[in-house]
């Protein structure tokens, strides 16, 4: 009986330490030192939350840059459905989806004749990636410029300004946050109606 009481006391203490005190401490420190990230890296436009820097959104209109396909299904970019599709390269469902995405891209971007960047037709590991490569942005520049009635060079300059470099100068690849780029487009080159 004495051993049981000791086990119960240790369990209660560990629950309080690791299940209550530690999470509160870490959350408090994060809110003090990394406030933006601790609150979800939210992006505001005109005083309203329009998204997060960390989760992609589906853009389909021609005047906006389109992101990577989402593995989260047809609704797309649902944080609750995060994860890869787990479809291998020989899976016919994946092959069919990629072929359909390639066809759709060429229909939407007839002026683009270069090699198609892989990230435009493949989902990321999480299925929620908010970034595309600079090459993927370049592949869409002509369509976006035409839809907005601005020069291709003006849109290229905006893409260059929104391109993020490697983290710490060495980690990862240069990338463009699609939501931030589209918001910058709305500010500098609003759609002409």
N, C-alpha and C. Protein backbone atom coordinates (compact mmCIF):
# COMPACT_ATOMS: atom_id res chain seq x y z
N UNK A 1 0.82 -1.20 0.00
CA UNK A 1 0.00 0.00 0.00
C UNK A 1 0.86 1.25 0.00
N UNK A 2 1.97 1.19 0.72
CA UNK A 2 2.87 2.34 0.80
C UNK A 2 3.45 2.67 -0.58
N UNK A 3 3.78 1.62 -1.34
CA UNK A 3 4.33 1.81 -2.69
C UNK A 3 3.29 2.44 -3.62
N UNK A 4 2.03 2.04 -3.45
CA UNK A 4 0.96 2.59 -4.27
C UNK A 4 0.78 4.09 -4.01
N UNK A 5 0.82 4.48 -2.75
CA UNK A 5 0.70 5.90 -2.39
C UNK A 5 1.85 6.72 -2.97
N UNK A 6 3.07 6.18 -2.92
CA UNK A 6 4.24 6.87 -3.49
C UNK A 6 4.06 7.02 -5.01
N UNK A 7 3.59 5.97 -5.66
CA UNK A 7 3.38 6.01 -7.12
C UNK A 7 2.33 7.06 -7.48
N UNK A 8 1.25 7.13 -6.71
CA UNK A 8 0.19 8.11 -6.97
C UNK A 8 0.73 9.53 -6.79
N UNK A 9 1.50 9.76 -5.72
CA UNK A 9 2.07 11.09 -5.46
C UNK A 9 3.02 11.50 -6.58
N UNK A 10 3.88 10.59 -7.00
CA UNK A 10 4.83 10.89 -8.08
C UNK A 10 4.07 11.19 -9.38
N UNK A 11 3.03 10.43 -9.65
CA UNK A 11 2.22 10.66 -10.85
C UNK A 11 1.58 12.04 -10.82
N UNK A 12 1.00 12.41 -9.70
CA UNK A 12 0.36 13.72 -9.56
C UNK A 12 1.38 14.85 -9.74
N UNK A 13 2.53 14.71 -9.11
CA UNK A 13 3.59 15.73 -9.23
C UNK A 13 4.06 15.85 -10.68
N UNK A 14 4.28 14.72 -11.34
CA UNK A 14 4.74 14.75 -12.73
C UNK A 14 3.67 15.34 -13.66
N UNK A 15 2.41 15.03 -13.40
CA UNK A 15 1.34 15.62 -14.21
C UNK A 15 1.33 17.13 -14.05
N UNK A 16 1.46 17.60 -12.81
CA UNK A 16 1.47 19.04 -12.57
C UNK A 16 2.70 19.71 -13.21
N UNK A 17 3.86 19.05 -13.11
CA UNK A 17 5.08 19.63 -13.69
C UNK A 17 5.06 19.60 -15.22
N UNK A 18 4.82 18.43 -15.78
CA UNK A 18 4.95 18.29 -17.24
C UNK A 18 3.67 18.61 -18.00
N UNK A 19 2.53 18.50 -17.33
CA UNK A 19 1.26 18.74 -18.01
C UNK A 19 0.68 20.12 -17.78
N UNK A 20 1.16 20.82 -16.75
CA UNK A 20 0.62 22.14 -16.44
C UNK A 20 1.73 23.20 -16.40
N UNK A 21 2.67 23.03 -15.49
CA UNK A 21 3.70 24.06 -15.29
C UNK A 21 4.58 24.27 -16.52
N UNK A 22 5.10 23.19 -17.08
CA UNK A 22 5.99 23.31 -18.24
C UNK A 22 5.29 23.95 -19.44
N UNK A 23 4.09 23.47 -19.85
CA UNK A 23 3.42 24.13 -20.98
C UNK A 23 3.11 25.60 -20.72
N UNK A 24 2.72 25.94 -19.50
CA UNK A 24 2.45 27.36 -19.19
C UNK A 24 3.72 28.19 -19.28
N UNK A 25 4.83 27.65 -18.78
CA UNK A 25 6.11 28.36 -18.84
C UNK A 25 6.55 28.57 -20.29
N UNK A 26 6.51 27.52 -21.08
CA UNK A 26 6.94 27.62 -22.49
C UNK A 26 6.03 28.57 -23.26
N UNK A 27 4.73 28.48 -23.05
CA UNK A 27 3.79 29.38 -23.73
C UNK A 27 4.04 30.83 -23.32
N UNK A 28 4.25 31.05 -22.04
CA UNK A 28 4.53 32.41 -21.57
C UNK A 28 5.81 32.97 -22.16
N UNK A 29 6.88 32.17 -22.18
CA UNK A 29 8.15 32.62 -22.77
C UNK A 29 7.99 32.89 -24.27
N UNK A 30 7.26 32.03 -24.95
CA UNK A 30 7.05 32.22 -26.39
C UNK A 30 6.30 33.53 -26.65
N UNK A 31 5.28 33.82 -25.84
CA UNK A 31 4.51 35.06 -26.03
C UNK A 31 5.36 36.29 -25.74
N UNK A 32 6.33 36.17 -24.86
CA UNK A 32 7.20 37.31 -24.55
C UNK A 32 8.27 37.50 -25.62
N UNK A 33 8.95 36.42 -25.99
CA UNK A 33 10.10 36.53 -26.90
C UNK A 33 9.77 36.33 -28.37
N UNK A 34 8.70 35.62 -28.68
CA UNK A 34 8.33 35.34 -30.07
C UNK A 34 6.83 35.56 -30.26
N UNK A 35 6.37 36.74 -29.94
CA UNK A 35 4.93 37.04 -29.91
C UNK A 35 4.23 36.72 -31.24
N UNK A 36 4.80 37.19 -32.35
CA UNK A 36 4.18 36.98 -33.66
C UNK A 36 4.00 35.49 -33.96
N UNK A 37 5.05 34.71 -33.74
CA UNK A 37 4.99 33.28 -34.01
C UNK A 37 4.06 32.56 -33.04
N UNK A 38 4.09 32.95 -31.77
CA UNK A 38 3.25 32.30 -30.76
C UNK A 38 1.77 32.53 -31.02
N UNK A 39 1.46 33.60 -31.72
CA UNK A 39 0.06 33.90 -32.02
C UNK A 39 -0.35 33.41 -33.40
N UNK A 40 0.46 32.54 -34.01
CA UNK A 40 0.10 31.91 -35.28
C UNK A 40 0.66 32.54 -36.52
N UNK A 41 1.59 33.49 -36.39
CA UNK A 41 2.17 34.17 -37.55
C UNK A 41 1.07 34.71 -38.48
N UNK A 42 0.10 35.35 -37.87
CA UNK A 42 -1.06 35.83 -38.62
C UNK A 42 -0.72 37.06 -39.45
N UNK A 43 -1.36 37.15 -40.61
CA UNK A 43 -1.16 38.27 -41.52
C UNK A 43 -2.44 39.11 -41.51
N UNK A 44 -2.27 40.41 -41.31
CA UNK A 44 -3.40 41.34 -41.30
C UNK A 44 -3.42 42.17 -42.58
N UNK A 45 -4.62 42.45 -43.06
CA UNK A 45 -4.81 43.36 -44.19
C UNK A 45 -6.04 44.20 -43.87
N UNK A 46 -5.87 45.50 -43.85
CA UNK A 46 -6.95 46.43 -43.52
C UNK A 46 -7.58 46.10 -42.16
N UNK A 47 -6.72 45.70 -41.21
CA UNK A 47 -7.18 45.43 -39.85
C UNK A 47 -7.86 44.09 -39.66
N UNK A 48 -7.90 43.26 -40.69
CA UNK A 48 -8.53 41.94 -40.59
C UNK A 48 -7.49 40.85 -40.80
N UNK A 49 -7.67 39.75 -40.10
CA UNK A 49 -6.80 38.60 -40.30
C UNK A 49 -7.18 37.95 -41.62
N UNK A 50 -6.19 37.81 -42.51
CA UNK A 50 -6.46 37.21 -43.82
C UNK A 50 -5.79 35.85 -43.99
N UNK A 51 -4.98 35.47 -43.03
CA UNK A 51 -4.30 34.18 -43.12
C UNK A 51 -3.10 34.12 -42.22
N UNK A 52 -2.33 33.08 -42.42
CA UNK A 52 -1.11 32.86 -41.66
C UNK A 52 0.06 32.72 -42.63
N UNK A 53 1.22 33.13 -42.17
CA UNK A 53 2.44 32.97 -42.98
C UNK A 53 2.79 31.49 -43.15
N UNK A 54 2.20 30.63 -42.34
CA UNK A 54 2.62 29.24 -42.26
C UNK A 54 1.71 28.26 -42.99
N UNK A 55 0.52 28.69 -43.39
CA UNK A 55 -0.43 27.78 -44.04
C UNK A 55 -0.88 28.40 -45.35
N UNK A 56 -0.78 27.63 -46.41
CA UNK A 56 -1.16 28.10 -47.73
C UNK A 56 -2.65 28.32 -47.86
N UNK A 57 -3.03 29.00 -48.92
CA UNK A 57 -4.43 29.21 -49.25
C UNK A 57 -4.62 28.93 -50.73
N UNK A 58 -5.84 28.58 -51.09
CA UNK A 58 -6.12 28.30 -52.50
C UNK A 58 -6.49 29.60 -53.20
N UNK A 59 -5.73 29.92 -54.24
CA UNK A 59 -6.02 31.05 -55.12
C UNK A 59 -6.29 30.48 -56.50
N UNK A 60 -7.38 30.87 -57.11
CA UNK A 60 -7.72 30.32 -58.42
C UNK A 60 -7.94 31.39 -59.49
N UNK A 61 -8.16 32.63 -59.07
CA UNK A 61 -8.42 33.69 -60.04
C UNK A 61 -7.13 34.04 -60.80
N UNK A 62 -7.25 34.43 -62.08
CA UNK A 62 -6.07 34.67 -62.90
C UNK A 62 -5.20 35.84 -62.43
N UNK A 63 -5.76 36.79 -61.69
CA UNK A 63 -4.98 37.95 -61.25
C UNK A 63 -4.15 37.66 -60.00
N UNK A 64 -4.20 36.44 -59.52
CA UNK A 64 -3.42 36.05 -58.34
C UNK A 64 -2.45 34.92 -58.67
N UNK A 65 -1.34 34.91 -57.96
CA UNK A 65 -0.42 33.79 -58.06
C UNK A 65 -1.06 32.59 -57.38
N UNK A 66 -0.87 31.43 -57.94
CA UNK A 66 -1.41 30.20 -57.38
C UNK A 66 -0.30 29.46 -56.64
N UNK A 67 -0.66 28.82 -55.54
CA UNK A 67 0.31 28.08 -54.74
C UNK A 67 0.41 26.64 -55.18
N UNK A 68 1.09 25.88 -54.34
CA UNK A 68 1.24 24.45 -54.60
C UNK A 68 -0.09 23.74 -54.39
N UNK A 69 -0.27 22.59 -55.02
CA UNK A 69 -1.47 21.80 -54.72
C UNK A 69 -1.44 21.38 -53.25
N UNK A 70 -2.61 21.24 -52.69
CA UNK A 70 -2.70 20.80 -51.30
C UNK A 70 -3.03 19.32 -51.25
N UNK A 71 -2.34 18.60 -50.39
CA UNK A 71 -2.64 17.18 -50.19
C UNK A 71 -3.83 17.01 -49.27
N UNK A 72 -4.39 18.13 -48.80
CA UNK A 72 -5.50 18.08 -47.84
C UNK A 72 -6.85 17.89 -48.53
N UNK A 73 -6.85 17.55 -49.78
CA UNK A 73 -8.10 17.26 -50.47
C UNK A 73 -8.63 18.43 -51.27
N UNK A 74 -9.83 18.28 -51.76
CA UNK A 74 -10.44 19.28 -52.64
C UNK A 74 -10.67 20.61 -51.93
N UNK A 75 -10.97 20.57 -50.62
CA UNK A 75 -11.17 21.81 -49.87
C UNK A 75 -9.87 22.57 -49.76
N UNK A 76 -8.77 21.85 -49.68
CA UNK A 76 -7.45 22.44 -49.70
C UNK A 76 -7.04 23.18 -48.45
N UNK A 77 -5.83 22.99 -48.07
CA UNK A 77 -5.16 23.74 -47.01
C UNK A 77 -5.89 23.70 -45.67
N UNK A 78 -6.57 22.62 -45.39
CA UNK A 78 -7.22 22.43 -44.09
C UNK A 78 -6.16 21.93 -43.12
N UNK A 79 -5.87 22.75 -42.10
CA UNK A 79 -4.84 22.39 -41.12
C UNK A 79 -5.12 21.09 -40.40
N UNK A 80 -6.37 20.72 -40.31
CA UNK A 80 -6.72 19.46 -39.65
C UNK A 80 -6.38 18.25 -40.51
N UNK A 81 -6.20 18.48 -41.80
CA UNK A 81 -5.90 17.39 -42.72
C UNK A 81 -4.44 17.44 -43.17
N UNK A 82 -3.59 18.00 -42.34
CA UNK A 82 -2.18 18.13 -42.70
C UNK A 82 -1.54 16.76 -42.90
N UNK A 83 -0.70 16.69 -43.89
CA UNK A 83 0.03 15.46 -44.16
C UNK A 83 0.12 15.21 -45.64
N UNK A 84 1.07 14.41 -46.01
CA UNK A 84 1.24 14.07 -47.41
C UNK A 84 0.13 13.16 -47.88
N UNK A 85 0.04 12.99 -49.17
CA UNK A 85 -1.01 12.14 -49.74
C UNK A 85 -0.63 10.67 -49.60
N UNK A 86 0.65 10.39 -49.39
CA UNK A 86 1.18 9.03 -49.30
C UNK A 86 1.02 8.24 -50.60
N UNK A 87 0.82 8.95 -51.70
CA UNK A 87 0.75 8.30 -52.99
C UNK A 87 2.15 8.25 -53.58
N UNK A 88 2.59 7.06 -53.97
CA UNK A 88 3.92 6.89 -54.54
C UNK A 88 3.95 7.29 -56.00
N UNK A 89 5.16 7.42 -56.57
CA UNK A 89 5.29 7.89 -57.95
C UNK A 89 4.68 6.94 -58.98
N UNK A 90 4.43 5.68 -58.61
CA UNK A 90 3.82 4.76 -59.56
C UNK A 90 2.32 4.63 -59.34
N UNK A 91 1.77 5.38 -58.39
CA UNK A 91 0.34 5.33 -58.11
C UNK A 91 -0.40 6.08 -59.20
N UNK A 92 -1.35 5.42 -59.85
CA UNK A 92 -2.05 6.02 -60.98
C UNK A 92 -2.86 7.25 -60.57
N UNK A 93 -3.38 7.27 -59.34
CA UNK A 93 -4.15 8.44 -58.88
C UNK A 93 -3.25 9.67 -58.83
N UNK A 94 -2.02 9.52 -58.38
CA UNK A 94 -1.08 10.64 -58.34
C UNK A 94 -0.70 11.06 -59.75
N UNK A 95 -0.40 10.10 -60.60
CA UNK A 95 -0.04 10.41 -61.99
C UNK A 95 -1.17 11.17 -62.67
N UNK A 96 -2.41 10.72 -62.49
CA UNK A 96 -3.56 11.39 -63.10
C UNK A 96 -3.73 12.81 -62.57
N UNK A 97 -3.57 13.00 -61.25
CA UNK A 97 -3.72 14.33 -60.66
C UNK A 97 -2.65 15.28 -61.18
N UNK A 98 -1.40 14.81 -61.24
CA UNK A 98 -0.31 15.66 -61.73
C UNK A 98 -0.54 16.01 -63.20
N UNK A 99 -0.94 15.04 -64.00
CA UNK A 99 -1.19 15.31 -65.42
C UNK A 99 -2.33 16.33 -65.58
N UNK A 100 -3.36 16.21 -64.77
CA UNK A 100 -4.46 17.18 -64.83
C UNK A 100 -3.98 18.57 -64.41
N UNK A 101 -3.12 18.63 -63.38
CA UNK A 101 -2.59 19.91 -62.93
C UNK A 101 -1.68 20.54 -63.99
N UNK A 102 -0.89 19.73 -64.67
CA UNK A 102 -0.02 20.24 -65.74
C UNK A 102 -0.88 20.81 -66.87
N UNK A 103 -1.92 20.07 -67.25
CA UNK A 103 -2.82 20.53 -68.33
C UNK A 103 -3.49 21.84 -67.92
N UNK A 104 -3.99 21.91 -66.69
CA UNK A 104 -4.66 23.12 -66.20
C UNK A 104 -3.69 24.30 -66.19
N UNK A 105 -2.44 24.05 -65.75
CA UNK A 105 -1.45 25.13 -65.72
C UNK A 105 -1.22 25.68 -67.12
N UNK A 106 -1.04 24.80 -68.09
CA UNK A 106 -0.79 25.26 -69.47
C UNK A 106 -2.00 26.01 -70.04
N UNK A 107 -3.20 25.60 -69.68
CA UNK A 107 -4.40 26.31 -70.13
C UNK A 107 -4.46 27.71 -69.52
N UNK A 108 -4.09 27.83 -68.25
CA UNK A 108 -4.15 29.12 -67.56
C UNK A 108 -2.97 30.03 -67.90
N UNK A 109 -1.86 29.45 -68.31
CA UNK A 109 -0.63 30.20 -68.58
C UNK A 109 -0.10 29.88 -69.98
N UNK A 110 -0.86 30.20 -71.04
CA UNK A 110 -0.43 29.82 -72.39
C UNK A 110 0.86 30.50 -72.84
N UNK A 111 1.20 31.62 -72.24
CA UNK A 111 2.42 32.34 -72.65
C UNK A 111 3.68 31.67 -72.11
N UNK A 112 3.55 30.82 -71.11
CA UNK A 112 4.73 30.20 -70.50
C UNK A 112 5.12 28.96 -71.30
N UNK A 113 6.38 28.94 -71.75
CA UNK A 113 6.85 27.82 -72.57
C UNK A 113 8.04 27.09 -71.96
N UNK A 114 8.51 27.54 -70.83
CA UNK A 114 9.68 26.92 -70.21
C UNK A 114 9.33 25.62 -69.50
N UNK A 115 10.34 25.03 -68.87
CA UNK A 115 10.08 23.81 -68.10
C UNK A 115 9.20 24.13 -66.89
N UNK A 116 8.26 23.26 -66.62
CA UNK A 116 7.31 23.49 -65.53
C UNK A 116 7.96 23.15 -64.19
N UNK A 117 8.04 24.12 -63.27
CA UNK A 117 8.62 23.83 -61.95
C UNK A 117 7.80 22.77 -61.23
N UNK A 118 8.47 21.80 -60.65
CA UNK A 118 7.80 20.66 -60.01
C UNK A 118 6.88 21.08 -58.88
N UNK A 119 7.23 22.15 -58.16
CA UNK A 119 6.40 22.51 -57.00
C UNK A 119 5.04 23.07 -57.40
N UNK A 120 4.82 23.38 -58.66
CA UNK A 120 3.50 23.85 -59.09
C UNK A 120 2.50 22.71 -59.24
N UNK A 121 3.00 21.48 -59.36
CA UNK A 121 2.10 20.35 -59.57
C UNK A 121 2.25 19.25 -58.52
N UNK A 122 3.11 19.47 -57.52
CA UNK A 122 3.28 18.48 -56.45
C UNK A 122 3.05 19.14 -55.10
N UNK A 123 2.40 18.43 -54.22
CA UNK A 123 2.14 18.94 -52.87
C UNK A 123 3.39 18.78 -52.01
N UNK A 124 3.48 19.61 -50.99
CA UNK A 124 4.60 19.50 -50.05
C UNK A 124 4.34 18.35 -49.08
N UNK A 125 5.29 18.06 -48.23
CA UNK A 125 5.15 16.98 -47.26
C UNK A 125 3.97 17.19 -46.33
N UNK A 126 3.73 18.43 -45.93
CA UNK A 126 2.60 18.72 -45.04
C UNK A 126 1.31 18.91 -45.81
N UNK A 127 1.41 19.22 -47.09
CA UNK A 127 0.23 19.52 -47.88
C UNK A 127 -0.31 20.91 -47.65
N UNK A 128 0.42 21.72 -46.84
CA UNK A 128 -0.07 23.05 -46.47
C UNK A 128 0.93 24.16 -46.79
N UNK A 129 1.97 23.86 -47.52
CA UNK A 129 3.05 24.81 -47.75
C UNK A 129 2.55 26.12 -48.36
N UNK A 130 2.87 27.27 -47.72
CA UNK A 130 2.42 28.56 -48.25
C UNK A 130 3.37 29.14 -49.29
N UNK A 131 4.47 28.46 -49.59
CA UNK A 131 5.51 29.00 -50.46
C UNK A 131 5.55 28.29 -51.80
N UNK A 132 6.03 29.03 -52.80
CA UNK A 132 6.41 28.45 -54.08
C UNK A 132 7.83 28.91 -54.37
N UNK A 133 8.46 28.25 -55.31
CA UNK A 133 9.81 28.65 -55.69
C UNK A 133 9.73 29.91 -56.54
N UNK A 134 10.83 30.68 -56.61
CA UNK A 134 10.85 31.83 -57.51
C UNK A 134 10.57 31.43 -58.97
N UNK A 135 11.00 30.23 -59.36
CA UNK A 135 10.73 29.76 -60.73
C UNK A 135 9.23 29.56 -60.95
N UNK A 136 8.53 29.08 -59.92
CA UNK A 136 7.08 28.90 -60.04
C UNK A 136 6.37 30.24 -60.13
N UNK A 137 6.87 31.22 -59.40
CA UNK A 137 6.30 32.56 -59.51
C UNK A 137 6.55 33.13 -60.90
N UNK A 138 7.77 32.96 -61.41
CA UNK A 138 8.12 33.46 -62.75
C UNK A 138 7.22 32.83 -63.81
N UNK A 139 6.87 31.57 -63.64
CA UNK A 139 6.03 30.87 -64.62
C UNK A 139 4.64 31.49 -64.69
N UNK A 140 4.22 32.20 -63.66
CA UNK A 140 2.87 32.78 -63.61
C UNK A 140 2.84 34.29 -63.86
N UNK A 141 4.00 34.90 -63.98
CA UNK A 141 4.10 36.37 -64.10
C UNK A 141 3.28 36.92 -65.26
N UNK A 142 3.39 36.32 -66.43
CA UNK A 142 2.70 36.85 -67.61
C UNK A 142 1.18 36.83 -67.41
N UNK A 143 0.65 35.74 -66.86
CA UNK A 143 -0.80 35.65 -66.63
C UNK A 143 -1.27 36.71 -65.65
N UNK A 144 -0.54 36.87 -64.54
CA UNK A 144 -0.93 37.82 -63.51
C UNK A 144 -0.85 39.25 -64.05
N UNK A 145 0.23 39.55 -64.78
CA UNK A 145 0.39 40.90 -65.34
C UNK A 145 -0.74 41.22 -66.31
N UNK A 146 -1.08 40.27 -67.17
CA UNK A 146 -2.16 40.51 -68.14
C UNK A 146 -3.50 40.69 -67.43
N UNK A 147 -3.78 39.88 -66.43
CA UNK A 147 -5.05 39.97 -65.71
C UNK A 147 -5.18 41.28 -64.94
N UNK A 148 -4.05 41.83 -64.52
CA UNK A 148 -4.08 43.08 -63.75
C UNK A 148 -3.84 44.31 -64.61
N UNK A 149 -3.48 44.10 -65.87
CA UNK A 149 -3.26 45.22 -66.76
C UNK A 149 -2.01 46.02 -66.42
N UNK A 150 -0.97 45.33 -65.94
CA UNK A 150 0.31 45.98 -65.63
C UNK A 150 1.41 45.29 -66.42
N UNK A 151 2.59 45.89 -66.40
CA UNK A 151 3.69 45.31 -67.16
C UNK A 151 4.25 44.06 -66.49
N UNK A 152 4.76 43.19 -67.31
CA UNK A 152 5.40 41.97 -66.81
C UNK A 152 6.57 42.35 -65.91
N UNK A 153 7.31 43.37 -66.28
CA UNK A 153 8.48 43.79 -65.49
C UNK A 153 8.06 44.27 -64.10
N UNK A 154 6.94 44.98 -64.00
CA UNK A 154 6.47 45.45 -62.70
C UNK A 154 6.13 44.27 -61.79
N UNK A 155 5.51 43.25 -62.36
CA UNK A 155 5.16 42.06 -61.56
C UNK A 155 6.43 41.30 -61.18
N UNK A 156 7.39 41.21 -62.10
CA UNK A 156 8.68 40.55 -61.79
C UNK A 156 9.39 41.25 -60.63
N UNK A 157 9.37 42.57 -60.64
CA UNK A 157 10.00 43.32 -59.55
C UNK A 157 9.32 43.05 -58.22
N UNK A 158 8.02 42.92 -58.24
CA UNK A 158 7.28 42.61 -57.02
C UNK A 158 7.62 41.21 -56.53
N UNK A 159 7.73 40.26 -57.44
CA UNK A 159 8.13 38.89 -57.07
C UNK A 159 9.52 38.92 -56.45
N UNK A 160 10.43 39.65 -57.06
CA UNK A 160 11.79 39.74 -56.52
C UNK A 160 11.79 40.35 -55.12
N UNK A 161 10.97 41.37 -54.91
CA UNK A 161 10.91 42.01 -53.60
C UNK A 161 10.31 41.08 -52.55
N UNK A 162 9.44 40.17 -52.95
CA UNK A 162 8.79 39.26 -52.02
C UNK A 162 9.53 37.93 -51.86
N UNK A 163 10.61 37.73 -52.60
CA UNK A 163 11.36 36.49 -52.50
C UNK A 163 12.19 36.48 -51.22
N UNK A 164 12.00 35.43 -50.44
CA UNK A 164 12.74 35.25 -49.19
C UNK A 164 13.97 34.39 -49.48
N UNK A 165 15.10 34.78 -48.92
CA UNK A 165 16.32 34.01 -49.13
C UNK A 165 16.39 32.79 -48.24
N UNK A 166 17.51 32.11 -48.31
CA UNK A 166 17.73 30.94 -47.46
C UNK A 166 17.77 31.36 -46.00
N UNK A 167 17.25 30.53 -45.13
CA UNK A 167 17.28 30.83 -43.70
C UNK A 167 18.72 30.81 -43.22
N UNK A 168 19.10 31.86 -42.53
CA UNK A 168 20.47 32.05 -42.04
C UNK A 168 21.49 32.04 -43.18
N UNK A 169 21.02 32.26 -44.40
CA UNK A 169 21.90 32.31 -45.56
C UNK A 169 22.31 30.96 -46.10
N UNK A 170 21.95 29.86 -45.42
CA UNK A 170 22.40 28.54 -45.88
C UNK A 170 21.31 27.47 -45.90
N UNK A 171 20.27 27.61 -45.09
CA UNK A 171 19.27 26.55 -44.97
C UNK A 171 18.12 26.74 -45.94
N UNK A 172 17.72 25.68 -46.61
CA UNK A 172 16.58 25.72 -47.52
C UNK A 172 16.90 26.38 -48.84
N UNK A 173 15.85 26.72 -49.54
CA UNK A 173 15.97 27.34 -50.85
C UNK A 173 15.22 28.67 -50.84
N UNK A 174 15.56 29.58 -51.75
CA UNK A 174 14.77 30.81 -51.86
C UNK A 174 13.31 30.45 -52.14
N UNK A 175 12.39 31.26 -51.61
CA UNK A 175 10.98 30.94 -51.72
C UNK A 175 10.15 32.21 -51.70
N UNK A 176 8.92 32.09 -52.13
CA UNK A 176 7.99 33.21 -52.19
C UNK A 176 6.71 32.80 -51.46
N UNK A 177 6.32 33.58 -50.46
CA UNK A 177 5.07 33.31 -49.75
C UNK A 177 3.93 33.83 -50.63
N UNK A 178 3.06 32.94 -51.09
CA UNK A 178 2.03 33.28 -52.06
C UNK A 178 1.04 34.30 -51.50
N UNK A 179 0.60 34.13 -50.26
CA UNK A 179 -0.35 35.08 -49.68
C UNK A 179 0.26 36.48 -49.57
N UNK A 180 1.49 36.57 -49.09
CA UNK A 180 2.15 37.88 -48.98
C UNK A 180 2.32 38.53 -50.36
N UNK A 181 2.69 37.72 -51.35
CA UNK A 181 2.86 38.24 -52.71
C UNK A 181 1.54 38.75 -53.26
N UNK A 182 0.47 37.99 -53.06
CA UNK A 182 -0.84 38.43 -53.57
C UNK A 182 -1.34 39.67 -52.85
N UNK A 183 -1.07 39.78 -51.56
CA UNK A 183 -1.45 41.01 -50.83
C UNK A 183 -0.65 42.21 -51.35
N UNK A 184 0.65 42.00 -51.60
CA UNK A 184 1.47 43.08 -52.15
C UNK A 184 0.96 43.48 -53.54
N UNK A 185 0.52 42.51 -54.33
CA UNK A 185 -0.05 42.81 -55.64
C UNK A 185 -1.30 43.68 -55.50
N UNK A 186 -2.17 43.32 -54.56
CA UNK A 186 -3.40 44.10 -54.36
C UNK A 186 -3.08 45.54 -53.95
N UNK A 187 -1.99 45.73 -53.22
CA UNK A 187 -1.62 47.09 -52.79
C UNK A 187 -1.00 47.90 -53.93
N UNK A 188 -0.09 47.27 -54.67
CA UNK A 188 0.66 48.04 -55.67
C UNK A 188 0.02 48.03 -57.06
N UNK A 189 -0.74 47.00 -57.37
CA UNK A 189 -1.36 46.91 -58.71
C UNK A 189 -2.77 46.34 -58.59
N UNK A 190 -3.69 47.13 -58.02
CA UNK A 190 -5.05 46.62 -57.84
C UNK A 190 -5.67 46.21 -59.17
N UNK A 191 -6.56 45.25 -59.09
CA UNK A 191 -7.24 44.75 -60.31
C UNK A 191 -8.09 45.87 -60.87
N UNK A 192 -7.92 46.12 -62.18
CA UNK A 192 -8.71 47.14 -62.85
C UNK A 192 -10.02 46.52 -63.30
N UNK A 193 -11.11 47.18 -62.94
CA UNK A 193 -12.44 46.62 -63.27
C UNK A 193 -13.03 47.29 -64.47
